[in-house]
Amino acid sequence: MFNVDALLKSLPIMGLGMLGIFIVIGLIMLIIWILGKAFPAKKDKQDN
């Protein structure tokens, strides 16, 4: 049988878990962006 009360009690916990996942993904993206600005890729100049 489907327990609606258990579902409603678990929603805030699941919401916090999803929020944590998005925060971690955002931090990883921010760190990668900062590293990209700090150490830019070198462009090779080739004469044709």
C-alpha atoms as a PDB file:
ATOM      1  CA  MET A   1       0.000   0.000   0.000  1.00  0.00           C
ATOM      2  CA  PHE A   2       1.198   3.534  -0.805  1.00  0.00           C
ATOM      3  CA  ASN A   3       2.059   5.523   2.316  1.00  0.00           C
ATOM      4  CA  VAL A   4       1.462   9.207   1.625  1.00  0.00           C
ATOM      5  CA  ASP A   5       2.621  10.272   5.101  1.00  0.00           C
ATOM      6  CA  ALA A   6       6.031   8.644   4.610  1.00  0.00           C
ATOM      7  CA  LEU A   7       6.367  10.306   1.207  1.00  0.00           C
ATOM      8  CA  LEU A   8       5.601  13.744   2.630  1.00  0.00           C
ATOM      9  CA  LYS A   9       8.095  13.239   5.462  1.00  0.00           C
ATOM     10  CA  SER A  10      10.840  12.183   3.042  1.00  0.00           C
ATOM     11  CA  LEU A  11      10.406  15.073   0.576  1.00  0.00           C
ATOM     12  CA  PRO A  12      12.449  17.617   2.600  1.00  0.00           C
ATOM     13  CA  ILE A  13      15.296  15.098   2.955  1.00  0.00           C
ATOM     14  CA  MET A  14      15.272  14.368  -0.781  1.00  0.00           C
ATOM     15  CA  GLY A  15      15.153  18.105  -1.499  1.00  0.00           C
ATOM     16  CA  LEU A  16      18.241  18.709   0.637  1.00  0.00           C
ATOM     17  CA  GLY A  17      20.031  15.897  -1.163  1.00  0.00           C
ATOM     18  CA  MET A  18      19.243  17.377  -4.573  1.00  0.00           C
ATOM     19  CA  LEU A  19      20.299  20.830  -3.371  1.00  0.00           C
ATOM     20  CA  GLY A  20      23.602  19.367  -2.190  1.00  0.00           C
ATOM     21  CA  ILE A  21      24.180  17.750  -5.577  1.00  0.00           C
ATOM     22  CA  PHE A  22      23.563  21.037  -7.410  1.00  0.00           C
ATOM     23  CA  ILE A  23      25.848  22.927  -5.015  1.00  0.00           C
ATOM     24  CA  VAL A  24      28.680  20.431  -5.562  1.00  0.00           C
ATOM     25  CA  ILE A  25      28.250  20.541  -9.355  1.00  0.00           C
ATOM     26  CA  GLY A  26      28.264  24.354  -9.212  1.00  0.00           C
ATOM     27  CA  LEU A  27      31.455  24.368  -7.134  1.00  0.00           C
ATOM     28  CA  ILE A  28      33.189  22.000  -9.559  1.00  0.00           C
ATOM     29  CA  MET A  29      32.175  24.214 -12.492  1.00  0.00           C
ATOM     30  CA  LEU A  30      33.426  27.315 -10.648  1.00  0.00           C
ATOM     31  CA  ILE A  31      36.784  25.683  -9.853  1.00  0.00           C
ATOM     32  CA  ILE A  32      37.229  24.576 -13.475  1.00  0.00           C
ATOM     33  CA  TRP A  33      36.390  28.119 -14.690  1.00  0.00           C
ATOM     34  CA  ILE A  34      38.874  29.672 -12.238  1.00  0.00           C
ATOM     35  CA  LEU A  35      41.601  27.230 -13.276  1.00  0.00           C
ATOM     36  CA  GLY A  36      40.889  28.003 -16.934  1.00  0.00           C
ATOM     37  CA  LYS A  37      41.347  31.722 -16.262  1.00  0.00           C
ATOM     38  CA  ALA A  38      44.469  31.192 -14.136  1.00  0.00           C
ATOM     39  CA  PHE A  39      46.166  28.836 -16.619  1.00  0.00           C
ATOM     40  CA  PRO A  40      44.979  29.680 -20.143  1.00  0.00           C
ATOM     41  CA  ALA A  41      45.699  27.266 -22.964  1.00  0.00           C
ATOM     42  CA  LYS A  42      48.726  28.130 -25.068  1.00  0.00           C
ATOM     43  CA  LYS A  43      47.985  28.708 -28.746  1.00  0.00           C
ATOM     44  CA  ASP A  44      50.519  27.404 -31.239  1.00  0.00           C
ATOM     45  CA  LYS A  45      51.481  29.885 -33.954  1.00  0.00           C
ATOM     46  CA  GLN A  46      52.368  28.115 -37.165  1.00  0.00           C
ATOM     47  CA  ASP A  47      53.532  29.930 -40.291  1.00  0.00           C
ATOM     48  CA  ASN A  48      52.161  28.505 -43.524  1.00  0.00           C
END
